[in-house]
Each structure stands twice: as structure tokens, then as C-alpha cells.
Amino acid sequence: MFRIIFFRGKCIGCNGCVEAAPDRWRISRKDGRCNLVGGKQKKNTYQTIVSMEEYEQNEKAATNCPVKIIRLEVL
């Protein structure tokens, strides 16, 4: 298992995360920023815990992010 931590307030909506992991990321039609599918808001971040099967895709999503606002923590 690992945790995805996403600082949505700093998102610029580049779509890099959606391209890398389309099952876990979506672009919001309201404000053009990305949403972490299944993410729960905790203070200024959105977080979710997922299985290691998704790690490689989400690692690529974090790498693709030009503002580096996606963090992965292996549990």
C-alpha cells in the first residue's frame, strides 16, 4: 500500500497526471485543475491510500507534474 498526497491548491491543470494514471486522476470541469479520484481532503491536501499495483502509474504522474505537487509515501 502507498499514500498519494496531492496539493491541489497549487495545481496548474497541465494534465500530466491524467495522462500517466487516468484511473486515479481527472481534470475538473469547474476550475480546470486536477482531482485525485478517491482523495479525501486533509487541511490543504487531498490524500488516498491505494494498492501497490497503481504505484508505477502514479510515480509517473508525480514525475510528469511540472510544479511537483504530487507526493507518494510507501506504507
PDB file of N, CA and C in Angstrom:
ATOM      1  N   MET A   1       0.835  -1.179   0.000  1.00  0.00           N
ATOM      2  CA  MET A   1       0.000   0.000   0.000  1.00  0.00           C
ATOM      3  C   MET A   1       0.887   1.252   0.000  1.00  0.00           C
ATOM      4  N   PHE A   2       0.352   2.310  -0.588  1.00  0.00           N
ATOM      5  CA  PHE A   2       1.039   3.586  -0.542  1.00  0.00           C
ATOM      6  C   PHE A   2       0.014   4.708  -0.523  1.00  0.00           C
ATOM      7  N   ARG A   3       0.462   5.855  -0.058  1.00  0.00           N
ATOM      8  CA  ARG A   3      -0.401   7.035   0.062  1.00  0.00           C
ATOM      9  C   ARG A   3      -0.023   8.032  -1.021  1.00  0.00           C
ATOM     10  N   ILE A   4      -1.043   8.595  -1.665  1.00  0.00           N
ATOM     11  CA  ILE A   4      -0.838   9.698  -2.601  1.00  0.00           C
ATOM     12  C   ILE A   4      -1.246  10.973  -1.857  1.00  0.00           C
ATOM     13  N   ILE A   5      -0.368  11.944  -1.867  1.00  0.00           N
ATOM     14  CA  ILE A   5      -0.648  13.247  -1.267  1.00  0.00           C
ATOM     15  C   ILE A   5      -0.586  14.283  -2.392  1.00  0.00           C
ATOM     16  N   PHE A   6      -1.662  15.058  -2.526  1.00  0.00           N
ATOM     17  CA  PHE A   6      -1.818  15.987  -3.648  1.00  0.00           C
ATOM     18  C   PHE A   6      -2.145  17.382  -3.121  1.00  0.00           C
ATOM     19  N   PHE A   7      -1.324  18.349  -3.465  1.00  0.00           N
ATOM     20  CA  PHE A   7      -1.522  19.741  -3.060  1.00  0.00           C
ATOM     21  C   PHE A   7      -2.320  20.462  -4.159  1.00  0.00           C
ATOM     22  N   ARG A   8      -3.633  20.252  -4.158  1.00  0.00           N
ATOM     23  CA  ARG A   8      -4.490  20.720  -5.244  1.00  0.00           C
ATOM     24  C   ARG A   8      -4.472  22.228  -5.447  1.00  0.00           C
ATOM     25  N   GLY A   9      -4.336  22.998  -4.370  1.00  0.00           N
ATOM     26  CA  GLY A   9      -4.348  24.451  -4.470  1.00  0.00           C
ATOM     27  C   GLY A   9      -3.250  25.021  -5.359  1.00  0.00           C
ATOM     28  N   LYS A  10      -2.182  24.247  -5.561  1.00  0.00           N
ATOM     29  CA  LYS A  10      -1.062  24.689  -6.389  1.00  0.00           C
ATOM     30  C   LYS A  10      -1.115  24.109  -7.802  1.00  0.00           C
ATOM     31  N   CYS A  11      -2.152  23.338  -8.109  1.00  0.00           N
ATOM     32  CA  CYS A  11      -2.271  22.681  -9.417  1.00  0.00           C
ATOM     33  C   CYS A  11      -2.474  23.716 -10.530  1.00  0.00           C
ATOM     34  N   ILE A  12      -1.776  23.507 -11.653  1.00  0.00           N
ATOM     35  CA  ILE A  12      -1.929  24.390 -12.811  1.00  0.00           C
ATOM     36  C   ILE A  12      -2.735  23.728 -13.933  1.00  0.00           C
ATOM     37  N   GLY A  13      -3.201  22.504 -13.701  1.00  0.00           N
ATOM     38  CA  GLY A  13      -4.055  21.814 -14.673  1.00  0.00           C
ATOM     39  C   GLY A  13      -3.354  21.422 -15.960  1.00  0.00           C
ATOM     40  N   CYS A  14      -2.113  20.991 -15.878  1.00  0.00           N
ATOM     41  CA  CYS A  14      -1.346  20.645 -17.085  1.00  0.00           C
ATOM     42  C   CYS A  14      -1.762  19.314 -17.707  1.00  0.00           C
ATOM     43  N   ASN A  15      -2.458  18.463 -16.943  1.00  0.00           N
ATOM     44  CA  ASN A  15      -2.971  17.178 -17.418  1.00  0.00           C
ATOM     45  C   ASN A  15      -1.926  16.060 -17.441  1.00  0.00           C
ATOM     46  N   GLY A  16      -0.726  16.309 -16.963  1.00  0.00           N
ATOM     47  CA  GLY A  16       0.334  15.291 -16.962  1.00  0.00           C
ATOM     48  C   GLY A  16      -0.018  14.080 -16.114  1.00  0.00           C
ATOM     49  N   CYS A  17      -0.652  14.307 -14.973  1.00  0.00           N
ATOM     50  CA  CYS A  17      -1.029  13.197 -14.095  1.00  0.00           C
ATOM     51  C   CYS A  17      -2.145  12.363 -14.723  1.00  0.00           C
ATOM     52  N   VAL A  18      -3.076  13.021 -15.395  1.00  0.00           N
ATOM     53  CA  VAL A  18      -4.195  12.315 -16.028  1.00  0.00           C
ATOM     54  C   VAL A  18      -3.680  11.409 -17.141  1.00  0.00           C
ATOM     55  N   GLU A  19      -2.719  11.886 -17.897  1.00  0.00           N
ATOM     56  CA  GLU A  19      -2.145  11.080 -18.978  1.00  0.00           C
ATOM     57  C   GLU A  19      -1.415   9.854 -18.434  1.00  0.00           C
ATOM     58  N   ALA A  20      -0.755   9.989 -17.298  1.00  0.00           N
ATOM     59  CA  ALA A  20       0.021   8.883 -16.722  1.00  0.00           C
ATOM     60  C   ALA A  20      -0.849   7.875 -15.981  1.00  0.00           C
ATOM     61  N   ALA A  21      -1.876   8.348 -15.287  1.00  0.00           N
ATOM     62  CA  ALA A  21      -2.719   7.469 -14.462  1.00  0.00           C
ATOM     63  C   ALA A  21      -4.186   7.894 -14.572  1.00  0.00           C
ATOM     64  N   PRO A  22      -4.815   7.627 -15.710  1.00  0.00           N
ATOM     65  CA  PRO A  22      -6.186   8.115 -15.946  1.00  0.00           C
ATOM     66  C   PRO A  22      -7.239   7.534 -15.012  1.00  0.00           C
ATOM     67  N   ASP A  23      -6.969   6.405 -14.374  1.00  0.00           N
ATOM     68  CA  ASP A  23      -7.940   5.835 -13.436  1.00  0.00           C
ATOM     69  C   ASP A  23      -7.916   6.534 -12.085  1.00  0.00           C
ATOM     70  N   ARG A  24      -6.848   7.267 -11.790  1.00  0.00           N
ATOM     71  CA  ARG A  24      -6.692   7.895 -10.481  1.00  0.00           C
ATOM     72  C   ARG A  24      -6.814   9.421 -10.542  1.00  0.00           C
ATOM     73  N   TRP A  25      -6.689  10.017 -11.736  1.00  0.00           N
ATOM     74  CA  TRP A  25      -6.705  11.477 -11.881  1.00  0.00           C
ATOM     75  C   TRP A  25      -7.719  11.915 -12.924  1.00  0.00           C
ATOM     76  N   ARG A  26      -8.364  13.068 -12.652  1.00  0.00           N
ATOM     77  CA  ARG A  26      -9.340  13.657 -13.578  1.00  0.00           C
ATOM     78  C   ARG A  26      -9.164  15.178 -13.578  1.00  0.00           C
ATOM     79  N   ILE A  27      -9.481  15.807 -14.698  1.00  0.00           N
ATOM     80  CA  ILE A  27      -9.495  17.273 -14.781  1.00  0.00           C
ATOM     81  C   ILE A  27     -10.891  17.753 -14.388  1.00  0.00           C
ATOM     82  N   SER A  28     -10.950  18.751 -13.522  1.00  0.00           N
ATOM     83  CA  SER A  28     -12.221  19.325 -13.093  1.00  0.00           C
ATOM     84  C   SER A  28     -12.777  20.231 -14.181  1.00  0.00           C
ATOM     85  N   ARG A  29     -14.055  20.100 -14.457  1.00  0.00           N
ATOM     86  CA  ARG A  29     -14.697  20.982 -15.426  1.00  0.00           C
ATOM     87  C   ARG A  29     -14.992  22.350 -14.813  1.00  0.00           C
ATOM     88  N   LYS A  30     -15.012  22.421 -13.488  1.00  0.00           N
ATOM     89  CA  LYS A  30     -15.308  23.688 -12.806  1.00  0.00           C
ATOM     90  C   LYS A  30     -14.141  24.666 -12.865  1.00  0.00           C
ATOM     91  N   ASP A  31     -12.943  24.192 -12.512  1.00  0.00           N
ATOM     92  CA  ASP A  31     -11.819  25.125 -12.423  1.00  0.00           C
ATOM     93  C   ASP A  31     -10.583  24.720 -13.235  1.00  0.00           C
ATOM     94  N   GLY A  32     -10.636  23.600 -13.956  1.00  0.00           N
ATOM     95  CA  GLY A  32      -9.524  23.194 -14.811  1.00  0.00           C
ATOM     96  C   GLY A  32      -8.351  22.556 -14.089  1.00  0.00           C
ATOM     97  N   ARG A  33      -8.463  22.402 -12.776  1.00  0.00           N
ATOM     98  CA  ARG A  33      -7.404  21.740 -12.010  1.00  0.00           C
ATOM     99  C   ARG A  33      -7.679  20.244 -11.942  1.00  0.00           C
ATOM    100  N   CYS A  34      -6.669  19.493 -11.560  1.00  0.00           N
ATOM    101  CA  CYS A  34      -6.824  18.045 -11.460  1.00  0.00           C
ATOM    102  C   CYS A  34      -7.474  17.656 -10.135  1.00  0.00           C
ATOM    103  N   ASN A  35      -8.151  16.526 -10.159  1.00  0.00           N
ATOM    104  CA  ASN A  35      -8.742  15.937  -8.960  1.00  0.00           C
ATOM    105  C   ASN A  35      -8.147  14.552  -8.759  1.00  0.00           C
ATOM    106  N   LEU A  36      -7.842  14.227  -7.522  1.00  0.00           N
ATOM    107  CA  LEU A  36      -7.377  12.900  -7.148  1.00  0.00           C
ATOM    108  C   LEU A  36      -8.599  12.040  -6.883  1.00  0.00           C
ATOM    109  N   VAL A  37      -8.843  11.066  -7.740  1.00  0.00           N
ATOM    110  CA  VAL A  37     -10.018  10.198  -7.608  1.00  0.00           C
ATOM    111  C   VAL A  37      -9.898   9.397  -6.316  1.00  0.00           C
ATOM    112  N   GLY A  38     -10.898   9.494  -5.463  1.00  0.00           N
ATOM    113  CA  GLY A  38     -10.892   8.803  -4.186  1.00  0.00           C
ATOM    114  C   GLY A  38     -10.176   9.561  -3.085  1.00  0.00           C
ATOM    115  N   GLY A  39      -9.685  10.756  -3.399  1.00  0.00           N
ATOM    116  CA  GLY A  39      -8.949  11.548  -2.416  1.00  0.00           C
ATOM    117  C   GLY A  39      -9.868  12.197  -1.392  1.00  0.00           C
ATOM    118  N   LYS A  40      -9.414  12.227  -0.166  1.00  0.00           N
ATOM    119  CA  LYS A  40     -10.133  12.887   0.928  1.00  0.00           C
ATOM    120  C   LYS A  40      -9.328  14.116   1.339  1.00  0.00           C
ATOM    121  N   GLN A  41     -10.024  15.229   1.556  1.00  0.00           N
ATOM    122  CA  GLN A  41      -9.331  16.459   1.914  1.00  0.00           C
ATOM    123  C   GLN A  41      -8.848  16.418   3.361  1.00  0.00           C
ATOM    124  N   LYS A  42      -7.571  16.756   3.542  1.00  0.00           N
ATOM    125  CA  LYS A  42      -6.964  16.875   4.871  1.00  0.00           C
ATOM    126  C   LYS A  42      -6.163  18.162   4.870  1.00  0.00           C
ATOM    127  N   LYS A  43      -6.697  19.193   5.534  1.00  0.00           N
ATOM    128  CA  LYS A  43      -6.092  20.533   5.547  1.00  0.00           C
ATOM    129  C   LYS A  43      -5.930  21.025   4.119  1.00  0.00           C
ATOM    130  N   ASN A  44      -4.711  21.275   3.669  1.00  0.00           N
ATOM    131  CA  ASN A  44      -4.512  21.820   2.321  1.00  0.00           C
ATOM    132  C   ASN A  44      -4.112  20.761   1.295  1.00  0.00           C
ATOM    133  N   THR A  45      -4.353  19.479   1.604  1.00  0.00           N
ATOM    134  CA  THR A  45      -4.018  18.405   0.666  1.00  0.00           C
ATOM    135  C   THR A  45      -5.216  17.479   0.466  1.00  0.00           C
ATOM    136  N   TYR A  46      -5.119  16.674  -0.573  1.00  0.00           N
ATOM    137  CA  TYR A  46      -6.029  15.556  -0.785  1.00  0.00           C
ATOM    138  C   TYR A  46      -5.178  14.309  -0.713  1.00  0.00           C
ATOM    139  N   GLN A  47      -5.684  13.286  -0.009  1.00  0.00           N
ATOM    140  CA  GLN A  47      -4.906  12.074   0.188  1.00  0.00           C
ATOM    141  C   GLN A  47      -5.780  10.838  -0.020  1.00  0.00           C
ATOM    142  N   THR A  48      -5.143   9.775  -0.470  1.00  0.00           N
ATOM    143  CA  THR A  48      -5.795   8.475  -0.552  1.00  0.00           C
ATOM    144  C   THR A  48      -4.731   7.395  -0.427  1.00  0.00           C
ATOM    145  N   ILE A  49      -5.155   6.228   0.034  1.00  0.00           N
ATOM    146  CA  ILE A  49      -4.271   5.073   0.151  1.00  0.00           C
ATOM    147  C   ILE A  49      -4.704   4.056  -0.895  1.00  0.00           C
ATOM    148  N   VAL A  50      -3.754   3.591  -1.682  1.00  0.00           N
ATOM    149  CA  VAL A  50      -4.059   2.652  -2.769  1.00  0.00           C
ATOM    150  C   VAL A  50      -3.054   1.498  -2.771  1.00  0.00           C
ATOM    151  N   SER A  51      -3.370   0.467  -3.552  1.00  0.00           N
ATOM    152  CA  SER A  51      -2.513  -0.716  -3.612  1.00  0.00           C
ATOM    153  C   SER A  51      -1.274  -0.448  -4.471  1.00  0.00           C
ATOM    154  N   MET A  52      -0.272  -1.258  -4.263  1.00  0.00           N
ATOM    155  CA  MET A  52       0.996  -1.113  -4.981  1.00  0.00           C
ATOM    156  C   MET A  52       0.852  -1.347  -6.483  1.00  0.00           C
ATOM    157  N   GLU A  53      -0.248  -1.950  -6.900  1.00  0.00           N
ATOM    158  CA  GLU A  53      -0.482  -2.171  -8.331  1.00  0.00           C
ATOM    159  C   GLU A  53      -0.526  -0.853  -9.105  1.00  0.00           C
ATOM    160  N   GLU A  54      -0.894   0.229  -8.429  1.00  0.00           N
ATOM    161  CA  GLU A  54      -1.004   1.541  -9.074  1.00  0.00           C
ATOM    162  C   GLU A  54       0.261   2.386  -8.914  1.00  0.00           C
ATOM    163  N   TYR A  55       1.260   1.859  -8.244  1.00  0.00           N
ATOM    164  CA  TYR A  55       2.428   2.676  -7.905  1.00  0.00           C
ATOM    165  C   TYR A  55       3.153   3.215  -9.135  1.00  0.00           C
ATOM    166  N   GLU A  56       3.432   2.362 -10.092  1.00  0.00           N
ATOM    167  CA  GLU A  56       4.220   2.782 -11.254  1.00  0.00           C
ATOM    168  C   GLU A  56       3.542   3.912 -12.023  1.00  0.00           C
ATOM    169  N   GLN A  57       2.233   3.787 -12.248  1.00  0.00           N
ATOM    170  CA  GLN A  57       1.489   4.838 -12.964  1.00  0.00           C
ATOM    171  C   GLN A  57       1.519   6.149 -12.196  1.00  0.00           C
ATOM    172  N   ASN A  58       1.320   6.081 -10.890  1.00  0.00           N
ATOM    173  CA  ASN A  58       1.276   7.304 -10.093  1.00  0.00           C
ATOM    174  C   ASN A  58       2.662   7.902  -9.864  1.00  0.00           C
ATOM    175  N   GLU A  59       3.684   7.072  -9.900  1.00  0.00           N
ATOM    176  CA  GLU A  59       5.043   7.597  -9.846  1.00  0.00           C
ATOM    177  C   GLU A  59       5.317   8.419 -11.109  1.00  0.00           C
ATOM    178  N   LYS A  60       4.828   7.929 -12.239  1.00  0.00           N
ATOM    179  CA  LYS A  60       4.966   8.676 -13.494  1.00  0.00           C
ATOM    180  C   LYS A  60       4.152   9.970 -13.438  1.00  0.00           C
ATOM    181  N   ALA A  61       2.953   9.910 -12.835  1.00  0.00           N
ATOM    182  CA  ALA A  61       2.128  11.108 -12.678  1.00  0.00           C
ATOM    183  C   ALA A  61       2.872  12.159 -11.861  1.00  0.00           C
ATOM    184  N   ALA A  62       3.519  11.734 -10.770  1.00  0.00           N
ATOM    185  CA  ALA A  62       4.279  12.657  -9.924  1.00  0.00           C
ATOM    186  C   ALA A  62       5.467  13.236 -10.685  1.00  0.00           C
ATOM    187  N   THR A  63       6.122  12.414 -11.480  1.00  0.00           N
ATOM    188  CA  THR A  63       7.260  12.867 -12.277  1.00  0.00           C
ATOM    189  C   THR A  63       6.811  13.847 -13.357  1.00  0.00           C
ATOM    190  N   ASN A  64       5.659  13.597 -13.968  1.00  0.00           N
ATOM    191  CA  ASN A  64       5.139  14.461 -15.035  1.00  0.00           C
ATOM    192  C   ASN A  64       4.714  15.837 -14.525  1.00  0.00           C
ATOM    193  N   CYS A  65       4.400  15.950 -13.252  1.00  0.00           N
ATOM    194  CA  CYS A  65       3.877  17.195 -12.691  1.00  0.00           C
ATOM    195  C   CYS A  65       4.955  18.285 -12.702  1.00  0.00           C
ATOM    196  N   PRO A  66       4.757  19.361 -13.467  1.00  0.00           N
ATOM    197  CA  PRO A  66       5.790  20.395 -13.545  1.00  0.00           C
ATOM    198  C   PRO A  66       5.938  21.219 -12.265  1.00  0.00           C
ATOM    199  N   VAL A  67       4.907  21.258 -11.429  1.00  0.00           N
ATOM    200  CA  VAL A  67       5.002  22.026 -10.181  1.00  0.00           C
ATOM    201  C   VAL A  67       5.277  21.139  -8.968  1.00  0.00           C
ATOM    202  N   LYS A  68       5.454  19.839  -9.196  1.00  0.00           N
ATOM    203  CA  LYS A  68       5.872  18.864  -8.164  1.00  0.00           C
ATOM    204  C   LYS A  68       4.988  18.896  -6.920  1.00  0.00           C
ATOM    205  N   ILE A  69       3.677  18.728  -7.123  1.00  0.00           N
ATOM    206  CA  ILE A  69       2.721  18.794  -6.016  1.00  0.00           C
ATOM    207  C   ILE A  69       2.087  17.444  -5.703  1.00  0.00           C
ATOM    208  N   ILE A  70       2.635  16.375  -6.280  1.00  0.00           N
ATOM    209  CA  ILE A  70       2.155  15.015  -6.004  1.00  0.00           C
ATOM    210  C   ILE A  70       3.263  14.283  -5.261  1.00  0.00           C
ATOM    211  N   ARG A  71       2.938  13.752  -4.095  1.00  0.00           N
ATOM    212  CA  ARG A  71       3.903  13.002  -3.283  1.00  0.00           C
ATOM    213  C   ARG A  71       3.388  11.575  -3.088  1.00  0.00           C
ATOM    214  N   LEU A  72       4.300  10.618  -3.079  1.00  0.00           N
ATOM    215  CA  LEU A  72       3.966   9.224  -2.841  1.00  0.00           C
ATOM    216  C   LEU A  72       4.716   8.760  -1.607  1.00  0.00           C
ATOM    217  N   GLU A  73       4.010   8.084  -0.692  1.00  0.00           N
ATOM    218  CA  GLU A  73       4.630   7.534   0.513  1.00  0.00           C
ATOM    219  C   GLU A  73       4.282   6.059   0.611  1.00  0.00           C
ATOM    220  N   VAL A  74       5.285   5.207   0.539  1.00  0.00           N
ATOM    221  CA  VAL A  74       5.055   3.768   0.703  1.00  0.00           C
ATOM    222  C   VAL A  74       4.805   3.508   2.184  1.00  0.00           C
ATOM    223  N   LEU A  75       3.745   2.750   2.467  1.00  0.00           N
ATOM    224  CA  LEU A  75       3.366   2.467   3.853  1.00  0.00           C
ATOM    225  C   LEU A  75       3.930   1.125   4.314  1.00  0.00           C
TER     226      LEU A  75
END
